[in-house]
Amino acid sequence: MSNHISDETIEYVGILAQLDLNEEEKVKAKEDMEQMLEYIDTLNELDTEGIEPKTHISDTTNVFREDVVTNGDGSDDVLANAPLKKDEYLSVPKTIG
């Protein structure tokens, strides 16, 4: 096993993650972390020469569209029925002293 994690490293990671691990949990966490590192080593064996890094899983361009108002917001109709209004806004009574 080329990826050996020391007990001190497990202790330190437990402190950083604010975990109170007992001895059995520390052993299991150590085994799990070593397995993860072995898997990463396996991935590092892949030939990725000439492959562009991705930020998303699919090739997309800017999917945002321009904000275009097509039918207005109807604020004039809303204000026409408001019991209280101030300028272009609804006015509500103060509820907190």
N, C-alpha and C. Protein backbone atom coordinates (compact mmCIF):
# COMPACT_ATOMS: atom_id res chain seq x y z
N MET A 1 0.85 -1.18 0.00
CA MET A 1 0.00 0.00 0.00
C MET A 1 0.90 1.24 0.00
N SER A 2 0.94 1.95 -1.12
CA SER A 2 1.82 3.10 -1.23
C SER A 2 1.24 4.35 -0.59
N ASN A 3 -0.02 4.35 -0.36
CA ASN A 3 -0.68 5.52 0.24
C ASN A 3 -0.94 5.24 1.72
N HIS A 4 0.05 5.49 2.53
CA HIS A 4 -0.08 5.26 3.96
C HIS A 4 -0.42 6.58 4.64
N ILE A 5 -1.45 6.55 5.44
CA ILE A 5 -1.86 7.74 6.20
C ILE A 5 -1.50 7.50 7.66
N SER A 6 -0.83 8.43 8.25
CA SER A 6 -0.39 8.26 9.64
C SER A 6 -1.55 8.52 10.60
N ASP A 7 -1.36 8.03 11.82
CA ASP A 7 -2.37 8.26 12.86
C ASP A 7 -2.49 9.74 13.19
N GLU A 8 -1.36 10.45 13.08
CA GLU A 8 -1.38 11.89 13.36
C GLU A 8 -2.22 12.63 12.32
N THR A 9 -2.16 12.17 11.07
CA THR A 9 -2.96 12.80 10.02
C THR A 9 -4.44 12.59 10.27
N ILE A 10 -4.81 11.37 10.67
CA ILE A 10 -6.22 11.09 10.99
C ILE A 10 -6.67 11.95 12.16
N GLU A 11 -5.82 12.07 13.15
CA GLU A 11 -6.15 12.90 14.32
C GLU A 11 -6.36 14.36 13.90
N TYR A 12 -5.46 14.86 13.04
CA TYR A 12 -5.53 16.24 12.58
C TYR A 12 -6.78 16.48 11.73
N VAL A 13 -7.10 15.56 10.83
CA VAL A 13 -8.30 15.69 10.01
C VAL A 13 -9.55 15.66 10.90
N GLY A 14 -9.54 14.82 11.92
CA GLY A 14 -10.66 14.78 12.86
C GLY A 14 -10.85 16.10 13.57
N ILE A 15 -9.73 16.75 13.93
CA ILE A 15 -9.81 18.06 14.59
C ILE A 15 -10.36 19.10 13.63
N LEU A 16 -9.85 19.09 12.39
CA LEU A 16 -10.33 20.07 11.39
C LEU A 16 -11.81 19.90 11.10
N ALA A 17 -12.26 18.64 11.05
CA ALA A 17 -13.67 18.37 10.75
C ALA A 17 -14.54 18.41 12.00
N GLN A 18 -13.93 18.70 13.14
CA GLN A 18 -14.62 18.78 14.42
C GLN A 18 -15.35 17.47 14.72
N LEU A 19 -14.62 16.36 14.53
CA LEU A 19 -15.16 15.04 14.80
C LEU A 19 -14.49 14.46 16.04
N ASP A 20 -15.27 13.83 16.86
CA ASP A 20 -14.74 13.14 18.02
C ASP A 20 -14.81 11.65 17.71
N LEU A 21 -13.75 11.12 17.11
CA LEU A 21 -13.73 9.73 16.66
C LEU A 21 -13.13 8.82 17.74
N ASN A 22 -13.78 7.66 17.93
CA ASN A 22 -13.15 6.68 18.81
C ASN A 22 -12.12 5.90 17.99
N GLU A 23 -11.39 5.00 18.63
CA GLU A 23 -10.30 4.29 17.95
C GLU A 23 -10.80 3.47 16.76
N GLU A 24 -11.93 2.83 16.90
CA GLU A 24 -12.49 2.02 15.81
C GLU A 24 -12.85 2.89 14.60
N GLU A 25 -13.42 4.05 14.87
CA GLU A 25 -13.78 4.98 13.79
C GLU A 25 -12.53 5.55 13.11
N LYS A 26 -11.48 5.77 13.89
CA LYS A 26 -10.23 6.28 13.31
C LYS A 26 -9.62 5.26 12.36
N VAL A 27 -9.66 3.99 12.75
CA VAL A 27 -9.12 2.93 11.90
C VAL A 27 -9.92 2.85 10.60
N LYS A 28 -11.24 2.90 10.70
CA LYS A 28 -12.10 2.84 9.52
C LYS A 28 -11.88 4.06 8.62
N ALA A 29 -11.76 5.24 9.20
CA ALA A 29 -11.52 6.46 8.42
C ALA A 29 -10.17 6.38 7.71
N LYS A 30 -9.17 5.84 8.39
CA LYS A 30 -7.84 5.69 7.80
C LYS A 30 -7.90 4.75 6.60
N GLU A 31 -8.59 3.62 6.75
CA GLU A 31 -8.74 2.67 5.64
C GLU A 31 -9.47 3.32 4.46
N ASP A 32 -10.54 4.05 4.75
CA ASP A 32 -11.32 4.70 3.69
C ASP A 32 -10.48 5.73 2.94
N MET A 33 -9.71 6.53 3.68
CA MET A 33 -8.88 7.55 3.04
C MET A 33 -7.79 6.91 2.18
N GLU A 34 -7.20 5.82 2.65
CA GLU A 34 -6.18 5.14 1.86
C GLU A 34 -6.78 4.56 0.58
N GLN A 35 -8.02 4.04 0.66
CA GLN A 35 -8.69 3.54 -0.54
C GLN A 35 -8.96 4.67 -1.53
N MET A 36 -9.36 5.83 -1.01
CA MET A 36 -9.61 6.98 -1.89
C MET A 36 -8.33 7.40 -2.61
N LEU A 37 -7.22 7.42 -1.89
CA LEU A 37 -5.95 7.80 -2.50
C LEU A 37 -5.50 6.78 -3.54
N GLU A 38 -5.77 5.50 -3.29
CA GLU A 38 -5.45 4.47 -4.29
C GLU A 38 -6.26 4.69 -5.55
N TYR A 39 -7.54 5.03 -5.39
CA TYR A 39 -8.39 5.28 -6.55
C TYR A 39 -7.89 6.50 -7.33
N ILE A 40 -7.48 7.52 -6.63
CA ILE A 40 -6.95 8.72 -7.30
C ILE A 40 -5.69 8.37 -8.07
N ASP A 41 -4.83 7.50 -7.48
CA ASP A 41 -3.64 7.05 -8.20
C ASP A 41 -4.03 6.32 -9.49
N THR A 42 -5.08 5.53 -9.43
CA THR A 42 -5.57 4.83 -10.63
C THR A 42 -6.00 5.83 -11.68
N LEU A 43 -6.70 6.88 -11.27
CA LEU A 43 -7.14 7.91 -12.22
C LEU A 43 -5.95 8.65 -12.81
N ASN A 44 -4.88 8.82 -12.02
CA ASN A 44 -3.69 9.52 -12.51
C ASN A 44 -2.96 8.73 -13.60
N GLU A 45 -3.26 7.44 -13.73
CA GLU A 45 -2.64 6.62 -14.76
C GLU A 45 -3.25 6.89 -16.14
N LEU A 46 -4.41 7.53 -16.19
CA LEU A 46 -5.06 7.81 -17.47
C LEU A 46 -4.27 8.84 -18.26
N ASP A 47 -4.22 8.65 -19.57
CA ASP A 47 -3.55 9.60 -20.45
C ASP A 47 -4.51 10.75 -20.76
N THR A 48 -4.23 11.91 -20.22
CA THR A 48 -5.10 13.07 -20.43
C THR A 48 -4.41 14.14 -21.27
N GLU A 49 -3.38 13.74 -21.96
CA GLU A 49 -2.63 14.68 -22.80
C GLU A 49 -3.53 15.24 -23.90
N GLY A 50 -3.59 16.55 -24.02
CA GLY A 50 -4.37 17.19 -25.08
C GLY A 50 -5.86 17.32 -24.77
N ILE A 51 -6.28 16.94 -23.59
CA ILE A 51 -7.70 17.06 -23.22
C ILE A 51 -7.87 18.33 -22.40
N GLU A 52 -8.78 19.18 -22.87
CA GLU A 52 -9.04 20.44 -22.17
C GLU A 52 -9.78 20.17 -20.86
N PRO A 53 -9.41 20.85 -19.79
CA PRO A 53 -10.16 20.71 -18.53
C PRO A 53 -11.55 21.30 -18.69
N LYS A 54 -12.51 20.74 -17.97
CA LYS A 54 -13.90 21.20 -18.07
C LYS A 54 -14.35 21.80 -16.74
N THR A 55 -15.25 22.75 -16.85
CA THR A 55 -15.88 23.28 -15.65
C THR A 55 -17.29 22.75 -15.51
N HIS A 56 -17.84 22.20 -16.62
CA HIS A 56 -19.19 21.62 -16.62
C HIS A 56 -19.13 20.30 -17.37
N ILE A 57 -20.12 19.44 -17.11
CA ILE A 57 -20.10 18.14 -17.76
C ILE A 57 -20.52 18.20 -19.21
N SER A 58 -21.22 19.23 -19.62
CA SER A 58 -21.64 19.35 -21.01
C SER A 58 -21.07 20.62 -21.62
N ASP A 59 -20.89 20.57 -22.93
CA ASP A 59 -20.37 21.74 -23.64
C ASP A 59 -21.52 22.71 -23.89
N THR A 60 -21.57 23.75 -23.12
CA THR A 60 -22.61 24.76 -23.30
C THR A 60 -21.96 26.12 -23.43
N THR A 61 -22.62 26.95 -24.18
CA THR A 61 -22.18 28.33 -24.24
C THR A 61 -23.09 29.12 -23.31
N ASN A 62 -23.00 30.42 -23.34
CA ASN A 62 -23.82 31.25 -22.47
C ASN A 62 -25.30 30.95 -22.73
N VAL A 63 -25.97 30.43 -21.72
CA VAL A 63 -27.38 30.06 -21.88
C VAL A 63 -28.32 31.18 -21.42
N PHE A 64 -27.75 32.29 -20.98
CA PHE A 64 -28.59 33.39 -20.53
C PHE A 64 -29.08 34.19 -21.73
N ARG A 65 -30.28 34.69 -21.63
CA ARG A 65 -30.83 35.51 -22.70
C ARG A 65 -30.94 36.94 -22.19
N GLU A 66 -31.11 37.85 -23.11
CA GLU A 66 -31.28 39.24 -22.74
C GLU A 66 -32.62 39.42 -22.05
N ASP A 67 -32.66 40.33 -21.10
CA ASP A 67 -33.90 40.65 -20.40
C ASP A 67 -34.70 41.62 -21.26
N VAL A 68 -35.80 41.14 -21.83
CA VAL A 68 -36.61 41.97 -22.70
C VAL A 68 -38.03 42.03 -22.13
N VAL A 69 -38.52 43.24 -21.87
CA VAL A 69 -39.87 43.41 -21.37
C VAL A 69 -40.82 43.31 -22.55
N THR A 70 -41.78 42.40 -22.45
CA THR A 70 -42.71 42.21 -23.57
C THR A 70 -44.09 42.75 -23.28
N ASN A 71 -44.54 42.66 -22.02
CA ASN A 71 -45.90 43.11 -21.74
C ASN A 71 -45.98 43.98 -20.48
N GLY A 72 -44.87 44.47 -20.00
CA GLY A 72 -44.89 45.33 -18.82
C GLY A 72 -45.17 44.53 -17.56
N ASP A 73 -45.12 45.21 -16.43
CA ASP A 73 -45.33 44.51 -15.17
C ASP A 73 -46.72 44.74 -14.58
N GLY A 74 -47.52 45.56 -15.19
CA GLY A 74 -48.87 45.80 -14.70
C GLY A 74 -48.93 46.62 -13.44
N SER A 75 -47.85 47.36 -13.13
CA SER A 75 -47.83 48.11 -11.88
C SER A 75 -48.87 49.22 -11.85
N ASP A 76 -49.19 49.80 -13.00
CA ASP A 76 -50.21 50.85 -13.02
C ASP A 76 -51.56 50.29 -12.61
N ASP A 77 -51.89 49.09 -13.07
CA ASP A 77 -53.16 48.46 -12.69
C ASP A 77 -53.19 48.14 -11.20
N VAL A 78 -52.06 47.68 -10.66
CA VAL A 78 -51.99 47.35 -9.24
C VAL A 78 -52.14 48.61 -8.41
N LEU A 79 -51.46 49.67 -8.77
CA LEU A 79 -51.54 50.92 -8.02
C LEU A 79 -52.93 51.55 -8.12
N ALA A 80 -53.63 51.33 -9.20
CA ALA A 80 -54.97 51.89 -9.36
C ALA A 80 -55.92 51.32 -8.32
N ASN A 81 -55.68 50.07 -7.89
CA ASN A 81 -56.56 49.43 -6.90
C ASN A 81 -56.03 49.50 -5.47
N ALA A 82 -54.88 50.14 -5.27
CA ALA A 82 -54.27 50.19 -3.95
C ALA A 82 -55.01 51.16 -3.05
N PRO A 83 -55.28 50.78 -1.80
CA PRO A 83 -55.94 51.71 -0.88
C PRO A 83 -55.02 52.86 -0.48
N LEU A 84 -53.72 52.60 -0.35
CA LEU A 84 -52.75 53.63 -0.03
C LEU A 84 -51.58 53.51 -1.01
N LYS A 85 -51.13 54.64 -1.53
CA LYS A 85 -49.96 54.61 -2.40
C LYS A 85 -49.15 55.88 -2.19
N LYS A 86 -47.86 55.74 -2.45
CA LYS A 86 -46.96 56.87 -2.32
C LYS A 86 -46.06 56.84 -3.54
N ASP A 87 -46.16 57.85 -4.37
CA ASP A 87 -45.44 57.91 -5.64
C ASP A 87 -45.78 56.68 -6.48
N GLU A 88 -44.78 55.87 -6.78
CA GLU A 88 -45.01 54.71 -7.64
C GLU A 88 -45.06 53.41 -6.85
N TYR A 89 -45.27 53.50 -5.52
CA TYR A 89 -45.19 52.32 -4.67
C TYR A 89 -46.46 52.17 -3.84
N LEU A 90 -46.69 50.91 -3.40
CA LEU A 90 -47.76 50.65 -2.43
C LEU A 90 -47.31 51.17 -1.09
N SER A 91 -48.22 51.69 -0.32
CA SER A 91 -47.91 52.16 1.01
C SER A 91 -48.67 51.30 1.99
N VAL A 92 -47.97 50.80 2.99
CA VAL A 92 -48.61 49.93 4.00
C VAL A 92 -48.44 50.57 5.36
N PRO A 93 -49.41 50.36 6.25
CA PRO A 93 -49.30 50.94 7.58
C PRO A 93 -48.13 50.32 8.36
N LYS A 94 -47.54 51.11 9.21
CA LYS A 94 -46.45 50.65 10.05
C LYS A 94 -46.99 49.65 11.06
N THR A 95 -46.35 48.47 11.18
CA THR A 95 -46.86 47.46 12.08
C THR A 95 -46.01 47.26 13.31
N ILE A 96 -44.77 47.72 13.27
CA ILE A 96 -43.88 47.57 14.44
C ILE A 96 -43.61 48.96 14.98
N GLY A 97 -43.82 49.13 16.28
CA GLY A 97 -43.68 50.42 16.95
C GLY A 97 -42.32 50.92 16.88
